[in-house]
Amino acid sequence: MCAGLHRLIDAWMPFPAHIMDAYWNTVLYNDAASLALGMRTEISQNCLIAFFTDPLYRARAKSWQQVASQVVAQFRAACSECPDDEGFQSVIAEAKERSPEFAELWAGRDIAPGGQLAKEMEHPLVGPLFVESTQLRVPARPYLTIVLHTPLPQVDTAAKLEWLCSPEGRRGAMYPLAG
């Protein structure tokens, strides 16, 4: 991973940001993505599979059911660029095996281009968070997508994210509450 992309993700602090490859495997994420979204090394590093199988992420996502269909439609759009690609087929097979919800939504055949997606989360330390997830392709590396989570004005999300990334917030995150 080039140093410039590391700097970009780190500069987005205290807001969550991550980079994923064409198959939605997490390549890099910043501390805010870990603290707010629950990204961590011990879960699947594939964003699609983690979305459907990580209980921590699901517990935090207020509108998970609504967002799930959009996530599947966006992944289908990514797959449509290379429909016979073995990497995509492998992710789809694993997601179907691990999540009946994914399998049902995948059978619906909806498609939507990647772009922006509003997310509402309930964080155990700071309460509600509203962010807009924006996918941006890296022109010099078209197999990479930067995902920036921009705080929306509801419930002062920006201030809550700043607190989570502060020393005080990090201490609180060491002992997370259930949920």
N, C-alpha and C. Protein backbone atom coordinates (compact mmCIF):
# COMPACT_ATOMS: atom_id res chain seq x y z
N MET A 1 0.86 -1.18 0.00
CA MET A 1 0.00 0.00 0.00
C MET A 1 0.90 1.23 0.00
N CYS A 2 0.60 2.17 -0.86
CA CYS A 2 1.48 3.34 -0.96
C CYS A 2 1.30 4.27 0.23
N ALA A 3 2.36 4.98 0.55
CA ALA A 3 2.37 5.88 1.71
C ALA A 3 1.31 6.97 1.58
N GLY A 4 1.04 7.43 0.36
CA GLY A 4 0.04 8.48 0.16
C GLY A 4 -1.36 8.04 0.58
N LEU A 5 -1.70 6.79 0.33
CA LEU A 5 -3.02 6.30 0.74
C LEU A 5 -3.09 6.13 2.26
N HIS A 6 -1.98 5.72 2.87
CA HIS A 6 -1.92 5.67 4.35
C HIS A 6 -2.17 7.07 4.91
N ARG A 7 -1.50 8.07 4.35
CA ARG A 7 -1.66 9.44 4.83
C ARG A 7 -3.10 9.92 4.66
N LEU A 8 -3.71 9.60 3.54
CA LEU A 8 -5.09 10.02 3.29
C LEU A 8 -6.03 9.45 4.34
N ILE A 9 -5.93 8.15 4.58
CA ILE A 9 -6.80 7.50 5.56
C ILE A 9 -6.55 8.07 6.96
N ASP A 10 -5.29 8.26 7.32
CA ASP A 10 -4.97 8.83 8.63
C ASP A 10 -5.43 10.28 8.74
N ALA A 11 -5.36 11.04 7.66
CA ALA A 11 -5.77 12.44 7.68
C ALA A 11 -7.29 12.58 7.82
N TRP A 12 -8.03 11.54 7.50
CA TRP A 12 -9.48 11.60 7.62
C TRP A 12 -9.92 11.51 9.08
N MET A 13 -9.01 11.15 9.98
CA MET A 13 -9.30 11.09 11.42
C MET A 13 -9.84 12.45 11.88
N PRO A 14 -10.80 12.48 12.75
CA PRO A 14 -11.36 11.41 13.57
C PRO A 14 -12.57 10.71 12.93
N PHE A 15 -12.65 10.78 11.62
CA PHE A 15 -13.79 10.15 10.95
C PHE A 15 -13.35 8.81 10.34
N PRO A 16 -14.24 7.82 10.35
CA PRO A 16 -13.88 6.49 9.84
C PRO A 16 -13.57 6.51 8.34
N ALA A 17 -12.56 5.76 7.98
CA ALA A 17 -12.19 5.60 6.57
C ALA A 17 -11.49 4.25 6.42
N HIS A 18 -11.71 3.64 5.26
CA HIS A 18 -10.98 2.41 4.96
C HIS A 18 -10.81 2.28 3.45
N ILE A 19 -9.93 1.37 3.08
CA ILE A 19 -9.68 1.09 1.66
C ILE A 19 -9.96 -0.39 1.46
N MET A 20 -10.66 -0.69 0.37
CA MET A 20 -10.95 -2.09 0.05
C MET A 20 -10.54 -2.37 -1.39
N ASP A 21 -10.28 -3.65 -1.66
CA ASP A 21 -9.92 -4.04 -3.02
C ASP A 21 -11.19 -4.32 -3.82
N ALA A 22 -11.02 -4.80 -5.04
CA ALA A 22 -12.16 -5.03 -5.93
C ALA A 22 -13.17 -6.01 -5.35
N TYR A 23 -12.69 -6.95 -4.51
CA TYR A 23 -13.58 -7.96 -3.93
C TYR A 23 -14.15 -7.53 -2.58
N TRP A 24 -13.88 -6.29 -2.19
CA TRP A 24 -14.32 -5.70 -0.93
C TRP A 24 -13.54 -6.24 0.26
N ASN A 25 -12.33 -6.73 0.02
CA ASN A 25 -11.46 -7.11 1.13
C ASN A 25 -10.85 -5.84 1.70
N THR A 26 -10.86 -5.70 3.01
CA THR A 26 -10.29 -4.53 3.66
C THR A 26 -8.78 -4.58 3.51
N VAL A 27 -8.22 -3.53 2.97
CA VAL A 27 -6.79 -3.41 2.77
C VAL A 27 -6.17 -2.57 3.88
N LEU A 28 -6.90 -1.55 4.31
CA LEU A 28 -6.40 -0.61 5.31
C LEU A 28 -7.58 0.11 5.94
N TYR A 29 -7.50 0.39 7.24
CA TYR A 29 -8.53 1.21 7.88
C TYR A 29 -7.88 2.05 8.97
N ASN A 30 -8.51 3.18 9.28
CA ASN A 30 -7.96 4.05 10.31
C ASN A 30 -8.55 3.70 11.68
N ASP A 31 -8.01 4.33 12.71
CA ASP A 31 -8.45 4.05 14.07
C ASP A 31 -9.93 4.37 14.27
N ALA A 32 -10.43 5.42 13.62
CA ALA A 32 -11.84 5.78 13.78
C ALA A 32 -12.75 4.67 13.24
N ALA A 33 -12.33 4.01 12.17
CA ALA A 33 -13.12 2.89 11.64
C ALA A 33 -13.18 1.75 12.64
N SER A 34 -12.10 1.57 13.36
CA SER A 34 -12.08 0.55 14.39
C SER A 34 -12.97 0.95 15.57
N LEU A 35 -12.81 2.17 16.05
CA LEU A 35 -13.55 2.63 17.22
C LEU A 35 -15.04 2.81 16.96
N ALA A 36 -15.40 3.34 15.81
CA ALA A 36 -16.81 3.63 15.53
C ALA A 36 -17.54 2.48 14.85
N LEU A 37 -16.90 1.87 13.86
CA LEU A 37 -17.56 0.84 13.07
C LEU A 37 -17.30 -0.57 13.58
N GLY A 38 -16.29 -0.73 14.41
CA GLY A 38 -15.96 -2.05 14.92
C GLY A 38 -15.04 -2.86 14.02
N MET A 39 -14.38 -2.21 13.05
CA MET A 39 -13.42 -2.94 12.21
C MET A 39 -12.28 -3.40 13.09
N ARG A 40 -11.92 -4.68 12.95
CA ARG A 40 -10.85 -5.24 13.76
C ARG A 40 -10.30 -6.47 13.08
N THR A 41 -9.10 -6.83 13.43
CA THR A 41 -8.41 -7.92 12.73
C THR A 41 -9.03 -9.28 12.96
N GLU A 42 -9.75 -9.49 14.06
CA GLU A 42 -10.27 -10.82 14.36
C GLU A 42 -11.56 -11.18 13.64
N ILE A 43 -12.08 -10.29 12.80
CA ILE A 43 -13.27 -10.63 12.01
C ILE A 43 -12.86 -10.80 10.55
N SER A 44 -13.80 -11.26 9.73
CA SER A 44 -13.52 -11.38 8.30
C SER A 44 -13.07 -10.03 7.77
N GLN A 45 -12.03 -10.04 6.98
CA GLN A 45 -11.54 -8.79 6.41
C GLN A 45 -12.24 -8.45 5.11
N ASN A 46 -13.30 -9.19 4.77
CA ASN A 46 -14.10 -8.86 3.61
C ASN A 46 -15.31 -8.06 4.10
N CYS A 47 -15.48 -6.84 3.57
CA CYS A 47 -16.54 -5.95 4.05
C CYS A 47 -17.94 -6.54 3.86
N LEU A 48 -18.17 -7.24 2.75
CA LEU A 48 -19.48 -7.83 2.51
C LEU A 48 -19.76 -8.93 3.53
N ILE A 49 -18.83 -9.82 3.72
CA ILE A 49 -19.03 -10.93 4.66
C ILE A 49 -19.13 -10.42 6.09
N ALA A 50 -18.30 -9.47 6.47
CA ALA A 50 -18.38 -8.90 7.82
C ALA A 50 -19.73 -8.21 8.03
N PHE A 51 -20.23 -7.52 7.01
CA PHE A 51 -21.52 -6.84 7.13
C PHE A 51 -22.61 -7.83 7.53
N PHE A 52 -22.58 -9.02 6.93
CA PHE A 52 -23.62 -10.01 7.18
C PHE A 52 -23.34 -10.93 8.38
N THR A 53 -22.10 -11.02 8.84
CA THR A 53 -21.79 -12.03 9.86
C THR A 53 -21.24 -11.47 11.17
N ASP A 54 -20.80 -10.23 11.21
CA ASP A 54 -20.20 -9.69 12.43
C ASP A 54 -21.29 -9.21 13.39
N PRO A 55 -21.48 -9.87 14.54
CA PRO A 55 -22.54 -9.47 15.46
C PRO A 55 -22.34 -8.07 16.04
N LEU A 56 -21.10 -7.63 16.19
CA LEU A 56 -20.86 -6.28 16.71
C LEU A 56 -21.36 -5.23 15.72
N TYR A 57 -21.01 -5.39 14.46
CA TYR A 57 -21.47 -4.42 13.45
C TYR A 57 -23.00 -4.42 13.37
N ARG A 58 -23.57 -5.59 13.35
CA ARG A 58 -25.03 -5.69 13.24
C ARG A 58 -25.73 -5.07 14.43
N ALA A 59 -25.16 -5.22 15.61
CA ALA A 59 -25.76 -4.64 16.81
C ALA A 59 -25.72 -3.11 16.76
N ARG A 60 -24.71 -2.57 16.11
CA ARG A 60 -24.58 -1.11 16.03
C ARG A 60 -25.41 -0.50 14.90
N ALA A 61 -25.69 -1.25 13.87
CA ALA A 61 -26.40 -0.70 12.69
C ALA A 61 -27.89 -0.61 12.97
N LYS A 62 -28.40 0.62 13.07
CA LYS A 62 -29.81 0.83 13.37
C LYS A 62 -30.72 0.41 12.22
N SER A 63 -30.32 0.68 11.01
CA SER A 63 -31.17 0.37 9.85
C SER A 63 -30.52 -0.73 9.02
N TRP A 64 -29.98 -1.74 9.70
CA TRP A 64 -29.24 -2.80 9.03
C TRP A 64 -30.05 -3.43 7.91
N GLN A 65 -31.30 -3.74 8.15
CA GLN A 65 -32.14 -4.42 7.16
C GLN A 65 -32.28 -3.58 5.89
N GLN A 66 -32.47 -2.28 6.04
CA GLN A 66 -32.59 -1.40 4.87
C GLN A 66 -31.27 -1.29 4.11
N VAL A 67 -30.20 -1.14 4.85
CA VAL A 67 -28.90 -0.97 4.23
C VAL A 67 -28.44 -2.27 3.57
N ALA A 68 -28.84 -3.42 4.12
CA ALA A 68 -28.40 -4.72 3.59
C ALA A 68 -28.73 -4.88 2.12
N SER A 69 -29.94 -4.52 1.72
CA SER A 69 -30.30 -4.67 0.31
C SER A 69 -29.47 -3.75 -0.58
N GLN A 70 -29.14 -2.55 -0.08
CA GLN A 70 -28.31 -1.63 -0.85
C GLN A 70 -26.88 -2.16 -0.97
N VAL A 71 -26.36 -2.74 0.11
CA VAL A 71 -25.00 -3.29 0.10
C VAL A 71 -24.91 -4.42 -0.93
N VAL A 72 -25.90 -5.30 -0.94
CA VAL A 72 -25.89 -6.41 -1.89
C VAL A 72 -25.99 -5.89 -3.32
N ALA A 73 -26.84 -4.91 -3.54
CA ALA A 73 -27.00 -4.34 -4.89
C ALA A 73 -25.71 -3.68 -5.35
N GLN A 74 -24.99 -3.02 -4.44
CA GLN A 74 -23.72 -2.39 -4.80
C GLN A 74 -22.64 -3.44 -5.07
N PHE A 75 -22.65 -4.53 -4.29
CA PHE A 75 -21.67 -5.59 -4.55
C PHE A 75 -21.96 -6.25 -5.90
N ARG A 76 -23.23 -6.44 -6.22
CA ARG A 76 -23.58 -7.01 -7.53
C ARG A 76 -23.07 -6.11 -8.65
N ALA A 77 -23.17 -4.80 -8.48
CA ALA A 77 -22.65 -3.88 -9.49
C ALA A 77 -21.15 -4.05 -9.65
N ALA A 78 -20.44 -4.20 -8.53
CA ALA A 78 -18.99 -4.42 -8.60
C ALA A 78 -18.69 -5.72 -9.34
N CYS A 79 -19.47 -6.77 -9.05
CA CYS A 79 -19.28 -8.07 -9.72
C CYS A 79 -19.57 -7.99 -11.21
N SER A 80 -20.50 -7.15 -11.59
CA SER A 80 -20.92 -7.09 -12.99
C SER A 80 -19.80 -6.64 -13.92
N GLU A 81 -18.78 -5.99 -13.36
CA GLU A 81 -17.65 -5.57 -14.17
C GLU A 81 -16.80 -6.76 -14.62
N CYS A 82 -16.83 -7.84 -13.85
CA CYS A 82 -16.08 -9.07 -14.15
C CYS A 82 -16.90 -10.27 -13.70
N PRO A 83 -18.00 -10.59 -14.38
CA PRO A 83 -18.95 -11.58 -13.87
C PRO A 83 -18.40 -12.99 -13.67
N ASP A 84 -17.38 -13.37 -14.41
CA ASP A 84 -16.85 -14.73 -14.28
C ASP A 84 -15.59 -14.79 -13.41
N ASP A 85 -15.25 -13.71 -12.77
CA ASP A 85 -14.05 -13.63 -11.96
C ASP A 85 -14.15 -14.58 -10.76
N GLU A 86 -13.14 -15.42 -10.58
CA GLU A 86 -13.15 -16.40 -9.49
C GLU A 86 -13.13 -15.75 -8.11
N GLY A 87 -12.50 -14.60 -7.99
CA GLY A 87 -12.46 -13.91 -6.70
C GLY A 87 -13.86 -13.51 -6.25
N PHE A 88 -14.63 -12.92 -7.17
CA PHE A 88 -16.01 -12.56 -6.84
C PHE A 88 -16.84 -13.80 -6.53
N GLN A 89 -16.66 -14.84 -7.34
CA GLN A 89 -17.43 -16.07 -7.12
C GLN A 89 -17.13 -16.68 -5.75
N SER A 90 -15.90 -16.58 -5.31
CA SER A 90 -15.50 -17.11 -4.01
C SER A 90 -16.17 -16.33 -2.87
N VAL A 91 -16.18 -15.00 -2.97
CA VAL A 91 -16.82 -14.16 -1.95
C VAL A 91 -18.32 -14.45 -1.90
N ILE A 92 -18.95 -14.55 -3.07
CA ILE A 92 -20.40 -14.83 -3.12
C ILE A 92 -20.70 -16.18 -2.49
N ALA A 93 -19.91 -17.19 -2.82
CA ALA A 93 -20.14 -18.53 -2.27
C ALA A 93 -20.00 -18.52 -0.75
N GLU A 94 -18.97 -17.86 -0.23
CA GLU A 94 -18.79 -17.80 1.22
C GLU A 94 -19.93 -17.03 1.89
N ALA A 95 -20.33 -15.92 1.29
CA ALA A 95 -21.42 -15.13 1.87
C ALA A 95 -22.73 -15.91 1.88
N LYS A 96 -23.01 -16.64 0.81
CA LYS A 96 -24.23 -17.47 0.77
C LYS A 96 -24.19 -18.55 1.84
N GLU A 97 -23.02 -19.16 2.00
CA GLU A 97 -22.86 -20.24 2.97
C GLU A 97 -23.03 -19.73 4.41
N ARG A 98 -22.51 -18.55 4.68
CA ARG A 98 -22.50 -18.03 6.05
C ARG A 98 -23.72 -17.21 6.42
N SER A 99 -24.49 -16.75 5.41
CA SER A 99 -25.62 -15.87 5.71
C SER A 99 -26.83 -16.17 4.82
N PRO A 100 -27.86 -16.76 5.40
CA PRO A 100 -29.10 -16.97 4.64
C PRO A 100 -29.71 -15.64 4.18
N GLU A 101 -29.51 -14.57 4.96
CA GLU A 101 -30.03 -13.25 4.57
C GLU A 101 -29.36 -12.77 3.29
N PHE A 102 -28.03 -12.96 3.22
CA PHE A 102 -27.34 -12.59 1.99
C PHE A 102 -27.87 -13.41 0.82
N ALA A 103 -27.99 -14.72 1.01
CA ALA A 103 -28.45 -15.60 -0.08
C ALA A 103 -29.81 -15.16 -0.60
N GLU A 104 -30.70 -14.77 0.30
CA GLU A 104 -32.04 -14.32 -0.11
C GLU A 104 -31.96 -13.01 -0.90
N LEU A 105 -31.17 -12.07 -0.40
CA LEU A 105 -31.05 -10.78 -1.10
C LEU A 105 -30.33 -10.96 -2.44
N TRP A 106 -29.32 -11.83 -2.50
CA TRP A 106 -28.59 -12.07 -3.73
C TRP A 106 -29.52 -12.64 -4.81
N ALA A 107 -30.44 -13.48 -4.41
CA ALA A 107 -31.39 -14.08 -5.35
C ALA A 107 -32.31 -13.02 -5.96
N GLY A 108 -32.46 -11.87 -5.28
CA GLY A 108 -33.30 -10.79 -5.78
C GLY A 108 -32.75 -10.09 -7.01
N ARG A 109 -31.47 -10.20 -7.27
CA ARG A 109 -30.81 -9.67 -8.46
C ARG A 109 -30.84 -8.15 -8.59
N ASP A 110 -31.04 -7.42 -7.49
CA ASP A 110 -31.00 -5.95 -7.55
C ASP A 110 -29.56 -5.51 -7.81
N ILE A 111 -29.44 -4.37 -8.49
CA ILE A 111 -28.12 -3.83 -8.80
C ILE A 111 -28.16 -2.31 -8.61
N ALA A 112 -27.12 -1.78 -8.01
CA ALA A 112 -27.01 -0.33 -7.79
C ALA A 112 -25.53 0.03 -7.79
N PRO A 113 -25.17 1.09 -8.46
CA PRO A 113 -23.76 1.47 -8.47
C PRO A 113 -23.29 1.90 -7.09
N GLY A 114 -22.01 1.65 -6.81
CA GLY A 114 -21.43 2.13 -5.56
C GLY A 114 -21.46 3.65 -5.58
N GLY A 115 -21.43 4.22 -4.45
CA GLY A 115 -21.48 5.68 -4.37
C GLY A 115 -21.66 6.08 -2.93
N GLN A 116 -22.82 6.62 -2.63
CA GLN A 116 -23.06 7.09 -1.27
C GLN A 116 -24.18 6.28 -0.62
N LEU A 117 -24.05 6.15 0.70
CA LEU A 117 -24.99 5.35 1.47
C LEU A 117 -25.07 5.95 2.87
N ALA A 118 -26.26 6.34 3.29
CA ALA A 118 -26.44 6.88 4.65
C ALA A 118 -26.51 5.72 5.63
N LYS A 119 -25.82 5.86 6.76
CA LYS A 119 -25.81 4.82 7.78
C LYS A 119 -26.14 5.44 9.14
N GLU A 120 -27.00 4.77 9.86
CA GLU A 120 -27.32 5.17 11.22
C GLU A 120 -26.85 4.05 12.14
N MET A 121 -26.05 4.42 13.13
CA MET A 121 -25.52 3.42 14.06
C MET A 121 -25.84 3.81 15.49
N GLU A 122 -25.83 2.82 16.35
CA GLU A 122 -25.99 3.03 17.79
C GLU A 122 -24.71 2.54 18.44
N HIS A 123 -23.86 3.47 18.87
CA HIS A 123 -22.58 3.11 19.48
C HIS A 123 -22.77 2.98 21.00
N PRO A 124 -22.20 1.94 21.62
CA PRO A 124 -22.43 1.73 23.05
C PRO A 124 -21.87 2.84 23.95
N LEU A 125 -20.90 3.61 23.49
CA LEU A 125 -20.33 4.67 24.32
C LEU A 125 -20.91 6.05 24.05
N VAL A 126 -21.24 6.33 22.79
CA VAL A 126 -21.67 7.70 22.44
C VAL A 126 -23.10 7.78 21.93
N GLY A 127 -23.77 6.66 21.79
CA GLY A 127 -25.15 6.68 21.32
C GLY A 127 -25.23 6.76 19.80
N PRO A 128 -26.28 7.42 19.30
CA PRO A 128 -26.50 7.43 17.85
C PRO A 128 -25.43 8.17 17.06
N LEU A 129 -25.08 7.59 15.92
CA LEU A 129 -24.14 8.20 14.96
C LEU A 129 -24.79 8.15 13.58
N PHE A 130 -24.71 9.23 12.84
CA PHE A 130 -25.21 9.28 11.47
C PHE A 130 -24.05 9.67 10.56
N VAL A 131 -23.73 8.78 9.62
CA VAL A 131 -22.65 9.05 8.67
C VAL A 131 -23.12 8.76 7.26
N GLU A 132 -22.41 9.36 6.32
CA GLU A 132 -22.63 9.06 4.91
C GLU A 132 -21.36 8.40 4.40
N SER A 133 -21.51 7.18 3.92
CA SER A 133 -20.39 6.42 3.39
C SER A 133 -20.27 6.74 1.90
N THR A 134 -19.08 7.15 1.48
CA THR A 134 -18.84 7.49 0.08
C THR A 134 -17.70 6.63 -0.46
N GLN A 135 -17.97 5.93 -1.56
CA GLN A 135 -16.95 5.10 -2.21
C GLN A 135 -16.28 5.90 -3.33
N LEU A 136 -14.96 5.93 -3.29
CA LEU A 136 -14.18 6.64 -4.31
C LEU A 136 -13.12 5.70 -4.88
N ARG A 137 -13.10 5.55 -6.18
CA ARG A 137 -12.06 4.72 -6.81
C ARG A 137 -10.77 5.49 -6.88
N VAL A 138 -9.66 4.76 -6.79
CA VAL A 138 -8.33 5.35 -6.88
C VAL A 138 -7.88 5.23 -8.33
N PRO A 139 -7.81 6.35 -9.08
CA PRO A 139 -7.48 6.27 -10.50
C PRO A 139 -6.17 5.54 -10.80
N ALA A 140 -5.14 5.76 -10.01
CA ALA A 140 -3.85 5.12 -10.26
C ALA A 140 -3.87 3.63 -9.92
N ARG A 141 -4.85 3.23 -9.11
CA ARG A 141 -5.01 1.82 -8.71
C ARG A 141 -6.49 1.48 -8.76
N PRO A 142 -7.04 1.25 -9.95
CA PRO A 142 -8.49 1.10 -10.11
C PRO A 142 -9.10 -0.09 -9.38
N TYR A 143 -8.27 -0.99 -8.87
CA TYR A 143 -8.77 -2.12 -8.10
C TYR A 143 -8.98 -1.75 -6.63
N LEU A 144 -8.67 -0.51 -6.25
CA LEU A 144 -8.86 -0.05 -4.88
C LEU A 144 -9.98 0.98 -4.81
N THR A 145 -10.72 0.92 -3.71
CA THR A 145 -11.79 1.89 -3.44
C THR A 145 -11.58 2.44 -2.04
N ILE A 146 -11.59 3.75 -1.94
CA ILE A 146 -11.51 4.42 -0.64
C ILE A 146 -12.96 4.63 -0.17
N VAL A 147 -13.22 4.30 1.07
CA VAL A 147 -14.55 4.51 1.63
C VAL A 147 -14.40 5.49 2.79
N LEU A 148 -14.98 6.68 2.59
CA LEU A 148 -14.91 7.73 3.61
C LEU A 148 -16.28 7.84 4.27
N HIS A 149 -16.29 7.91 5.59
CA HIS A 149 -17.53 8.07 6.34
C HIS A 149 -17.59 9.50 6.87
N THR A 150 -18.46 10.29 6.27
CA THR A 150 -18.59 11.70 6.62
C THR A 150 -19.71 11.86 7.64
N PRO A 151 -19.44 12.55 8.75
CA PRO A 151 -20.50 12.72 9.74
C PRO A 151 -21.62 13.60 9.19
N LEU A 152 -22.84 13.20 9.47
CA LEU A 152 -24.01 13.99 9.12
C LEU A 152 -24.38 14.83 10.35
N PRO A 153 -25.12 15.92 10.17
CA PRO A 153 -25.36 16.85 11.29
C PRO A 153 -26.25 16.31 12.42
N GLN A 154 -27.02 15.26 12.15
CA GLN A 154 -27.88 14.75 13.21
C GLN A 154 -27.07 14.36 14.44
N VAL A 155 -27.57 14.62 15.57
CA VAL A 155 -27.05 14.23 16.89
C VAL A 155 -25.57 14.57 17.10
N ASP A 156 -25.07 15.57 16.40
CA ASP A 156 -23.69 16.03 16.55
C ASP A 156 -22.69 14.89 16.41
N THR A 157 -22.84 14.14 15.33
CA THR A 157 -21.99 12.98 15.07
C THR A 157 -20.51 13.35 15.03
N ALA A 158 -20.17 14.48 14.43
CA ALA A 158 -18.76 14.86 14.34
C ALA A 158 -18.12 14.97 15.72
N ALA A 159 -18.80 15.61 16.65
CA ALA A 159 -18.26 15.76 18.01
C ALA A 159 -18.14 14.41 18.70
N LYS A 160 -19.10 13.52 18.47
CA LYS A 160 -19.04 12.19 19.08
C LYS A 160 -17.86 11.39 18.53
N LEU A 161 -17.62 11.49 17.22
CA LEU A 161 -16.48 10.78 16.63
C LEU A 161 -15.16 11.36 17.14
N GLU A 162 -15.10 12.69 17.30
CA GLU A 162 -13.90 13.31 17.84
C GLU A 162 -13.63 12.80 19.26
N TRP A 163 -14.69 12.68 20.08
CA TRP A 163 -14.53 12.19 21.44
C TRP A 163 -14.06 10.73 21.44
N LEU A 164 -14.67 9.90 20.58
CA LEU A 164 -14.28 8.48 20.53
C LEU A 164 -12.79 8.33 20.22
N CYS A 165 -12.24 9.22 19.41
CA CYS A 165 -10.83 9.14 19.02
C CYS A 165 -9.90 9.86 19.99
N SER A 166 -10.48 10.52 20.99
CA SER A 166 -9.67 11.21 21.99
C SER A 166 -9.11 10.19 22.99
N PRO A 167 -8.10 10.58 23.77
CA PRO A 167 -7.58 9.66 24.78
C PRO A 167 -8.68 9.16 25.74
N GLU A 168 -9.57 10.04 26.14
CA GLU A 168 -10.66 9.65 27.04
C GLU A 168 -11.59 8.63 26.37
N GLY A 169 -11.94 8.89 25.12
CA GLY A 169 -12.80 7.97 24.38
C GLY A 169 -12.13 6.63 24.14
N ARG A 170 -10.85 6.65 23.84
CA ARG A 170 -10.11 5.40 23.63
C ARG A 170 -10.06 4.56 24.91
N ARG A 171 -9.92 5.24 26.06
CA ARG A 171 -9.95 4.49 27.33
C ARG A 171 -11.31 3.83 27.51
N GLY A 172 -12.37 4.55 27.19
CA GLY A 172 -13.72 3.99 27.29
C GLY A 172 -13.92 2.82 26.34
N ALA A 173 -13.31 2.90 25.16
CA ALA A 173 -13.45 1.84 24.16
C ALA A 173 -12.71 0.56 24.58
N MET A 174 -11.75 0.69 25.50
CA MET A 174 -11.03 -0.49 25.96
C MET A 174 -11.95 -1.42 26.74
N TYR A 175 -13.01 -0.84 27.29
CA TYR A 175 -13.97 -1.60 28.10
C TYR A 175 -15.38 -1.38 27.54
N PRO A 176 -15.63 -1.85 26.29
CA PRO A 176 -16.90 -1.56 25.65
C PRO A 176 -18.08 -2.19 26.39
N LEU A 177 -19.19 -1.49 26.29
CA LEU A 177 -20.42 -2.00 26.87
C LEU A 177 -20.99 -3.05 25.93
N ALA A 178 -21.84 -3.89 26.44
CA ALA A 178 -22.47 -4.91 25.59
C ALA A 178 -23.26 -4.26 24.48
N GLY A 179 -23.28 -4.92 23.30
CA GLY A 179 -24.10 -4.42 22.20
C GLY A 179 -23.38 -3.88 21.09
